[in-house]
ModelCIF file with pLDDT and N, C-alpha, C, O atoms, coordinates in Angstrom:
data_MODEL
#
_entry.id   MODEL 
#
_entity.id                         1 
_entity.type                       polymer 
_entity.pdbx_number_of_molecules   1 
#
_entity_poly.entity_id                      1 
_entity_poly.type                           'polypeptide(L)' 
_entity_poly.nstd_linkage                   no 
_entity_poly.nstd_monomer                   no 
_entity_poly.pdbx_seq_one_letter_code       YPSNIYAVGWFRQAPGKEREFLAVIRWSGGGTR 
_entity_poly.pdbx_seq_one_letter_code_can   YPSNIYAVGWFRQAPGKEREFLAVIRWSGGGTR 
_entity_poly.pdbx_strand_id                 A 
#
loop_
_entity_poly_seq.entity_id 
_entity_poly_seq.num 
_entity_poly_seq.mon_id 
_entity_poly_seq.hetero 
1 1  TYR n 
1 2  PRO n 
1 3  SER n 
1 4  ASN n 
1 5  ILE n 
1 6  TYR n 
1 7  ALA n 
1 8  VAL n 
1 9  GLY n 
1 10 TRP n 
1 11 PHE n 
1 12 ARG n 
1 13 GLN n 
1 14 ALA n 
1 15 PRO n 
1 16 GLY n 
1 17 LYS n 
1 18 GLU n 
1 19 ARG n 
1 20 GLU n 
1 21 PHE n 
1 22 LEU n 
1 23 ALA n 
1 24 VAL n 
1 25 ILE n 
1 26 ARG n 
1 27 TRP n 
1 28 SER n 
1 29 GLY n 
1 30 GLY n 
1 31 GLY n 
1 32 THR n 
1 33 ARG n 
#
_struct_asym.id          A 
_struct_asym.entity_id   1 
#
loop_
_ma_qa_metric.id 
_ma_qa_metric.mode 
_ma_qa_metric.name 
_ma_qa_metric.software_group_id 
_ma_qa_metric.type 
1 global pLDDT . pLDDT 
2 local  pLDDT . pLDDT 
#
_ma_qa_metric_global.metric_id      1 
_ma_qa_metric_global.metric_value   92.67 
_ma_qa_metric_global.model_id       1 
_ma_qa_metric_global.ordinal_id     1 
#
loop_
_ma_qa_metric_local.label_asym_id 
_ma_qa_metric_local.label_comp_id 
_ma_qa_metric_local.label_seq_id 
_ma_qa_metric_local.metric_id 
_ma_qa_metric_local.metric_value 
_ma_qa_metric_local.model_id 
_ma_qa_metric_local.ordinal_id 
A TYR 1  2 84.00 1 1  
A PRO 2  2 80.00 1 2  
A SER 3  2 81.00 1 3  
A ASN 4  2 84.00 1 4  
A ILE 5  2 85.00 1 5  
A TYR 6  2 91.00 1 6  
A ALA 7  2 95.00 1 7  
A VAL 8  2 96.00 1 8  
A GLY 9  2 97.00 1 9  
A TRP 10 2 98.00 1 10 
A PHE 11 2 98.00 1 11 
A ARG 12 2 98.00 1 12 
A GLN 13 2 98.00 1 13 
A ALA 14 2 96.00 1 14 
A PRO 15 2 92.00 1 15 
A GLY 16 2 94.00 1 16 
A LYS 17 2 96.00 1 17 
A GLU 18 2 96.00 1 18 
A ARG 19 2 96.00 1 19 
A GLU 20 2 97.00 1 20 
A PHE 21 2 97.00 1 21 
A LEU 22 2 98.00 1 22 
A ALA 23 2 97.00 1 23 
A VAL 24 2 97.00 1 24 
A ILE 25 2 96.00 1 25 
A ARG 26 2 94.00 1 26 
A TRP 27 2 91.00 1 27 
A SER 28 2 88.00 1 28 
A GLY 29 2 82.00 1 29 
A GLY 30 2 86.00 1 30 
A GLY 31 2 91.00 1 31 
A THR 32 2 94.00 1 32 
A ARG 33 2 95.00 1 33 
#
loop_
_atom_site.group_PDB 
_atom_site.id 
_atom_site.type_symbol 
_atom_site.label_atom_id 
_atom_site.label_alt_id 
_atom_site.label_comp_id 
_atom_site.label_asym_id 
_atom_site.label_entity_id 
_atom_site.label_seq_id 
_atom_site.pdbx_PDB_ins_code 
_atom_site.Cartn_x 
_atom_site.Cartn_y 
_atom_site.Cartn_z 
_atom_site.occupancy 
_atom_site.B_iso_or_equiv 
_atom_site.pdbx_formal_charge 
_atom_site.auth_seq_id 
_atom_site.auth_comp_id 
_atom_site.auth_asym_id 
_atom_site.auth_atom_id 
_atom_site.pdbx_PDB_model_num 
ATOM 1   N N  . TYR A 1 1  ? -37.937 11.784 -76.936 1.00 84.00 ? 1  TYR A N  1 
ATOM 2   C CA . TYR A 1 1  ? -38.803 13.260 -77.300 1.00 84.00 ? 1  TYR A CA 1 
ATOM 3   C C  . TYR A 1 1  ? -37.969 13.613 -79.041 1.00 84.00 ? 1  TYR A C  1 
ATOM 4   O O  . TYR A 1 1  ? -36.762 13.461 -79.232 1.00 84.00 ? 1  TYR A O  1 
ATOM 5   N N  . PRO A 1 2  ? -38.716 13.971 -79.847 1.00 80.00 ? 2  PRO A N  1 
ATOM 6   C CA . PRO A 1 2  ? -38.509 14.317 -80.923 1.00 80.00 ? 2  PRO A CA 1 
ATOM 7   C C  . PRO A 1 2  ? -36.695 15.506 -80.873 1.00 80.00 ? 2  PRO A C  1 
ATOM 8   O O  . PRO A 1 2  ? -36.064 16.124 -80.016 1.00 80.00 ? 2  PRO A O  1 
ATOM 9   N N  . SER A 1 3  ? -36.612 15.308 -81.906 1.00 81.00 ? 3  SER A N  1 
ATOM 10  C CA . SER A 1 3  ? -35.378 16.423 -82.101 1.00 81.00 ? 3  SER A CA 1 
ATOM 11  C C  . SER A 1 3  ? -35.970 18.196 -82.156 1.00 81.00 ? 3  SER A C  1 
ATOM 12  O O  . SER A 1 3  ? -35.350 19.243 -81.970 1.00 81.00 ? 3  SER A O  1 
ATOM 13  N N  . ASN A 1 4  ? -37.438 17.933 -82.498 1.00 84.00 ? 4  ASN A N  1 
ATOM 14  C CA . ASN A 1 4  ? -37.763 19.679 -82.268 1.00 84.00 ? 4  ASN A CA 1 
ATOM 15  C C  . ASN A 1 4  ? -38.446 19.772 -80.999 1.00 84.00 ? 4  ASN A C  1 
ATOM 16  O O  . ASN A 1 4  ? -39.596 20.206 -80.938 1.00 84.00 ? 4  ASN A O  1 
ATOM 17  N N  . ILE A 1 5  ? -37.895 19.442 -80.124 1.00 85.00 ? 5  ILE A N  1 
ATOM 18  C CA . ILE A 1 5  ? -38.604 19.492 -78.793 1.00 85.00 ? 5  ILE A CA 1 
ATOM 19  C C  . ILE A 1 5  ? -38.207 21.107 -78.562 1.00 85.00 ? 5  ILE A C  1 
ATOM 20  O O  . ILE A 1 5  ? -37.002 21.312 -78.708 1.00 85.00 ? 5  ILE A O  1 
ATOM 21  N N  . TYR A 1 6  ? -38.920 22.160 -78.265 1.00 91.00 ? 6  TYR A N  1 
ATOM 22  C CA . TYR A 1 6  ? -39.003 23.483 -77.661 1.00 91.00 ? 6  TYR A CA 1 
ATOM 23  C C  . TYR A 1 6  ? -39.104 23.485 -76.307 1.00 91.00 ? 6  TYR A C  1 
ATOM 24  O O  . TYR A 1 6  ? -38.116 23.795 -75.641 1.00 91.00 ? 6  TYR A O  1 
ATOM 25  N N  . ALA A 1 7  ? -40.083 23.206 -75.811 1.00 95.00 ? 7  ALA A N  1 
ATOM 26  C CA . ALA A 1 7  ? -40.244 23.690 -74.436 1.00 95.00 ? 7  ALA A CA 1 
ATOM 27  C C  . ALA A 1 7  ? -40.840 22.420 -73.737 1.00 95.00 ? 7  ALA A C  1 
ATOM 28  O O  . ALA A 1 7  ? -41.286 21.449 -74.348 1.00 95.00 ? 7  ALA A O  1 
ATOM 29  N N  . VAL A 1 8  ? -40.786 22.561 -72.314 1.00 96.00 ? 8  VAL A N  1 
ATOM 30  C CA . VAL A 1 8  ? -41.671 21.890 -71.596 1.00 96.00 ? 8  VAL A CA 1 
ATOM 31  C C  . VAL A 1 8  ? -42.623 22.412 -70.501 1.00 96.00 ? 8  VAL A C  1 
ATOM 32  O O  . VAL A 1 8  ? -42.092 23.210 -69.729 1.00 96.00 ? 8  VAL A O  1 
ATOM 33  N N  . GLY A 1 9  ? -43.738 22.165 -70.307 1.00 97.00 ? 9  GLY A N  1 
ATOM 34  C CA . GLY A 1 9  ? -44.509 23.391 -69.494 1.00 97.00 ? 9  GLY A CA 1 
ATOM 35  C C  . GLY A 1 9  ? -45.282 22.322 -68.622 1.00 97.00 ? 9  GLY A C  1 
ATOM 36  O O  . GLY A 1 9  ? -45.679 21.202 -68.943 1.00 97.00 ? 9  GLY A O  1 
ATOM 37  N N  . TRP A 1 10 ? -45.392 23.104 -67.242 1.00 98.00 ? 10 TRP A N  1 
ATOM 38  C CA . TRP A 1 10 ? -46.511 22.309 -66.013 1.00 98.00 ? 10 TRP A CA 1 
ATOM 39  C C  . TRP A 1 10 ? -47.943 23.151 -65.973 1.00 98.00 ? 10 TRP A C  1 
ATOM 40  O O  . TRP A 1 10 ? -48.041 24.371 -66.101 1.00 98.00 ? 10 TRP A O  1 
ATOM 41  N N  . PHE A 1 11 ? -48.950 22.280 -65.783 1.00 98.00 ? 11 PHE A N  1 
ATOM 42  C CA . PHE A 1 11 ? -50.106 22.735 -66.075 1.00 98.00 ? 11 PHE A CA 1 
ATOM 43  C C  . PHE A 1 11 ? -50.589 22.044 -64.710 1.00 98.00 ? 11 PHE A C  1 
ATOM 44  O O  . PHE A 1 11 ? -49.745 21.298 -64.214 1.00 98.00 ? 11 PHE A O  1 
ATOM 45  N N  . ARG A 1 12 ? -51.661 22.151 -64.098 1.00 98.00 ? 12 ARG A N  1 
ATOM 46  C CA . ARG A 1 12 ? -52.396 21.516 -63.364 1.00 98.00 ? 12 ARG A CA 1 
ATOM 47  C C  . ARG A 1 12 ? -54.430 22.000 -63.440 1.00 98.00 ? 12 ARG A C  1 
ATOM 48  O O  . ARG A 1 12 ? -55.095 22.846 -64.037 1.00 98.00 ? 12 ARG A O  1 
ATOM 49  N N  . GLN A 1 13 ? -54.672 21.058 -62.619 1.00 98.00 ? 13 GLN A N  1 
ATOM 50  C CA . GLN A 1 13 ? -56.487 20.711 -62.814 1.00 98.00 ? 13 GLN A CA 1 
ATOM 51  C C  . GLN A 1 13 ? -56.988 20.283 -61.625 1.00 98.00 ? 13 GLN A C  1 
ATOM 52  O O  . GLN A 1 13 ? -56.844 19.178 -61.102 1.00 98.00 ? 13 GLN A O  1 
ATOM 53  N N  . ALA A 1 14 ? -57.757 21.505 -61.120 1.00 96.00 ? 14 ALA A N  1 
ATOM 54  C CA . ALA A 1 14 ? -58.041 20.896 -59.947 1.00 96.00 ? 14 ALA A CA 1 
ATOM 55  C C  . ALA A 1 14 ? -59.741 20.260 -60.257 1.00 96.00 ? 14 ALA A C  1 
ATOM 56  O O  . ALA A 1 14 ? -60.327 20.624 -61.277 1.00 96.00 ? 14 ALA A O  1 
ATOM 57  N N  . PRO A 1 15 ? -60.423 19.277 -59.242 1.00 92.00 ? 15 PRO A N  1 
ATOM 58  C CA . PRO A 1 15 ? -61.783 18.854 -59.570 1.00 92.00 ? 15 PRO A CA 1 
ATOM 59  C C  . PRO A 1 15 ? -62.782 19.923 -59.806 1.00 92.00 ? 15 PRO A C  1 
ATOM 60  O O  . PRO A 1 15 ? -63.089 20.631 -58.847 1.00 92.00 ? 15 PRO A O  1 
ATOM 61  N N  . GLY A 1 16 ? -63.285 20.113 -60.871 1.00 94.00 ? 16 GLY A N  1 
ATOM 62  C CA . GLY A 1 16 ? -64.413 20.975 -61.503 1.00 94.00 ? 16 GLY A CA 1 
ATOM 63  C C  . GLY A 1 16 ? -63.876 22.143 -61.791 1.00 94.00 ? 16 GLY A C  1 
ATOM 64  O O  . GLY A 1 16 ? -64.599 23.135 -61.873 1.00 94.00 ? 16 GLY A O  1 
ATOM 65  N N  . LYS A 1 17 ? -62.459 22.221 -61.999 1.00 96.00 ? 17 LYS A N  1 
ATOM 66  C CA . LYS A 1 17 ? -62.047 23.574 -62.939 1.00 96.00 ? 17 LYS A CA 1 
ATOM 67  C C  . LYS A 1 17 ? -61.495 23.061 -64.164 1.00 96.00 ? 17 LYS A C  1 
ATOM 68  O O  . LYS A 1 17 ? -61.463 21.926 -64.641 1.00 96.00 ? 17 LYS A O  1 
ATOM 69  N N  . GLU A 1 18 ? -61.024 24.286 -64.593 1.00 96.00 ? 18 GLU A N  1 
ATOM 70  C CA . GLU A 1 18 ? -60.246 24.010 -66.034 1.00 96.00 ? 18 GLU A CA 1 
ATOM 71  C C  . GLU A 1 18 ? -58.807 23.844 -65.862 1.00 96.00 ? 18 GLU A C  1 
ATOM 72  O O  . GLU A 1 18 ? -58.322 24.166 -64.777 1.00 96.00 ? 18 GLU A O  1 
ATOM 73  N N  . ARG A 1 19 ? -58.008 23.354 -66.848 1.00 96.00 ? 19 ARG A N  1 
ATOM 74  C CA . ARG A 1 19 ? -56.612 23.095 -66.566 1.00 96.00 ? 19 ARG A CA 1 
ATOM 75  C C  . ARG A 1 19 ? -56.089 24.282 -66.509 1.00 96.00 ? 19 ARG A C  1 
ATOM 76  O O  . ARG A 1 19 ? -56.678 25.140 -67.166 1.00 96.00 ? 19 ARG A O  1 
ATOM 77  N N  . GLU A 1 20 ? -54.852 24.706 -65.732 1.00 97.00 ? 20 GLU A N  1 
ATOM 78  C CA . GLU A 1 20 ? -54.359 25.785 -65.573 1.00 97.00 ? 20 GLU A CA 1 
ATOM 79  C C  . GLU A 1 20 ? -52.814 25.677 -65.823 1.00 97.00 ? 20 GLU A C  1 
ATOM 80  O O  . GLU A 1 20 ? -52.043 24.833 -65.367 1.00 97.00 ? 20 GLU A O  1 
ATOM 81  N N  . PHE A 1 21 ? -52.546 26.727 -66.654 1.00 97.00 ? 21 PHE A N  1 
ATOM 82  C CA . PHE A 1 21 ? -50.711 26.904 -66.857 1.00 97.00 ? 21 PHE A CA 1 
ATOM 83  C C  . PHE A 1 21 ? -50.092 27.589 -65.734 1.00 97.00 ? 21 PHE A C  1 
ATOM 84  O O  . PHE A 1 21 ? -50.371 28.716 -65.326 1.00 97.00 ? 21 PHE A O  1 
ATOM 85  N N  . LEU A 1 22 ? -49.049 26.625 -65.189 1.00 98.00 ? 22 LEU A N  1 
ATOM 86  C CA . LEU A 1 22 ? -48.272 27.001 -64.137 1.00 98.00 ? 22 LEU A CA 1 
ATOM 87  C C  . LEU A 1 22 ? -46.761 27.748 -64.955 1.00 98.00 ? 22 LEU A C  1 
ATOM 88  O O  . LEU A 1 22 ? -46.349 28.908 -64.943 1.00 98.00 ? 22 LEU A O  1 
ATOM 89  N N  . ALA A 1 23 ? -46.343 26.773 -65.472 1.00 97.00 ? 23 ALA A N  1 
ATOM 90  C CA . ALA A 1 23 ? -44.949 27.247 -65.786 1.00 97.00 ? 23 ALA A CA 1 
ATOM 91  C C  . ALA A 1 23 ? -44.399 26.665 -66.697 1.00 97.00 ? 23 ALA A C  1 
ATOM 92  O O  . ALA A 1 23 ? -44.718 25.479 -66.788 1.00 97.00 ? 23 ALA A O  1 
ATOM 93  N N  . VAL A 1 24 ? -43.459 27.152 -67.653 1.00 97.00 ? 24 VAL A N  1 
ATOM 94  C CA . VAL A 1 24 ? -42.696 26.494 -69.024 1.00 97.00 ? 24 VAL A CA 1 
ATOM 95  C C  . VAL A 1 24 ? -41.549 27.091 -68.711 1.00 97.00 ? 24 VAL A C  1 
ATOM 96  O O  . VAL A 1 24 ? -41.371 28.120 -68.061 1.00 97.00 ? 24 VAL A O  1 
ATOM 97  N N  . ILE A 1 25 ? -40.601 26.207 -69.338 1.00 96.00 ? 25 ILE A N  1 
ATOM 98  C CA . ILE A 1 25 ? -38.977 26.255 -69.776 1.00 96.00 ? 25 ILE A CA 1 
ATOM 99  C C  . ILE A 1 25 ? -38.798 25.924 -71.222 1.00 96.00 ? 25 ILE A C  1 
ATOM 100 O O  . ILE A 1 25 ? -39.280 24.937 -71.777 1.00 96.00 ? 25 ILE A O  1 
ATOM 101 N N  . ARG A 1 26 ? -38.077 26.819 -71.760 1.00 94.00 ? 26 ARG A N  1 
ATOM 102 C CA . ARG A 1 26 ? -37.630 26.336 -73.161 1.00 94.00 ? 26 ARG A CA 1 
ATOM 103 C C  . ARG A 1 26 ? -36.457 25.592 -73.143 1.00 94.00 ? 26 ARG A C  1 
ATOM 104 O O  . ARG A 1 26 ? -35.526 25.944 -72.419 1.00 94.00 ? 26 ARG A O  1 
ATOM 105 N N  . TRP A 1 27 ? -36.367 24.368 -74.019 1.00 91.00 ? 27 TRP A N  1 
ATOM 106 C CA . TRP A 1 27 ? -35.896 23.188 -74.074 1.00 91.00 ? 27 TRP A CA 1 
ATOM 107 C C  . TRP A 1 27 ? -34.289 23.619 -74.323 1.00 91.00 ? 27 TRP A C  1 
ATOM 108 O O  . TRP A 1 27 ? -33.261 23.017 -74.013 1.00 91.00 ? 27 TRP A O  1 
ATOM 109 N N  . SER A 1 28 ? -34.450 24.665 -74.882 1.00 88.00 ? 28 SER A N  1 
ATOM 110 C CA . SER A 1 28 ? -32.513 24.989 -75.210 1.00 88.00 ? 28 SER A CA 1 
ATOM 111 C C  . SER A 1 28 ? -32.719 26.561 -75.166 1.00 88.00 ? 28 SER A C  1 
ATOM 112 O O  . SER A 1 28 ? -33.445 27.388 -75.717 1.00 88.00 ? 28 SER A O  1 
ATOM 113 N N  . GLY A 1 29 ? -31.690 26.545 -74.214 1.00 82.00 ? 29 GLY A N  1 
ATOM 114 C CA . GLY A 1 29 ? -31.616 27.830 -73.372 1.00 82.00 ? 29 GLY A CA 1 
ATOM 115 C C  . GLY A 1 29 ? -31.945 27.749 -72.363 1.00 82.00 ? 29 GLY A C  1 
ATOM 116 O O  . GLY A 1 29 ? -31.069 28.090 -71.568 1.00 82.00 ? 29 GLY A O  1 
ATOM 117 N N  . GLY A 1 30 ? -33.025 27.381 -71.840 1.00 86.00 ? 30 GLY A N  1 
ATOM 118 C CA . GLY A 1 30 ? -33.341 27.289 -70.393 1.00 86.00 ? 30 GLY A CA 1 
ATOM 119 C C  . GLY A 1 30 ? -34.732 28.411 -70.032 1.00 86.00 ? 30 GLY A C  1 
ATOM 120 O O  . GLY A 1 30 ? -35.490 28.284 -69.071 1.00 86.00 ? 30 GLY A O  1 
ATOM 121 N N  . GLY A 1 31 ? -34.792 29.395 -70.986 1.00 91.00 ? 31 GLY A N  1 
ATOM 122 C CA . GLY A 1 31 ? -35.472 30.579 -70.424 1.00 91.00 ? 31 GLY A CA 1 
ATOM 123 C C  . GLY A 1 31 ? -36.811 30.132 -69.670 1.00 91.00 ? 31 GLY A C  1 
ATOM 124 O O  . GLY A 1 31 ? -37.113 28.982 -69.987 1.00 91.00 ? 31 GLY A O  1 
ATOM 125 N N  . THR A 1 32 ? -37.616 30.661 -68.847 1.00 94.00 ? 32 THR A N  1 
ATOM 126 C CA . THR A 1 32 ? -38.351 30.337 -68.101 1.00 94.00 ? 32 THR A CA 1 
ATOM 127 C C  . THR A 1 32 ? -39.681 31.281 -68.472 1.00 94.00 ? 32 THR A C  1 
ATOM 128 O O  . THR A 1 32 ? -39.628 32.340 -69.099 1.00 94.00 ? 32 THR A O  1 
ATOM 129 N N  . ARG A 1 33 ? -40.789 30.699 -67.981 1.00 95.00 ? 33 ARG A N  1 
ATOM 130 C CA . ARG A 1 33 ? -42.265 31.979 -67.931 1.00 95.00 ? 33 ARG A CA 1 
ATOM 131 C C  . ARG A 1 33 ? -42.933 31.209 -66.476 1.00 95.00 ? 33 ARG A C  1 
ATOM 132 O O  . ARG A 1 33 ? -43.961 31.649 -65.961 1.00 95.00 ? 33 ARG A O  1 
#
């Protein structure tokens, strides 16, 4: 990963549906949503 990694997120996509945001965590500090 690059030095400027800021966050990693999870998404999902069901058949026939749009990709959906699930969760994210900040790489530094660990804040989540």
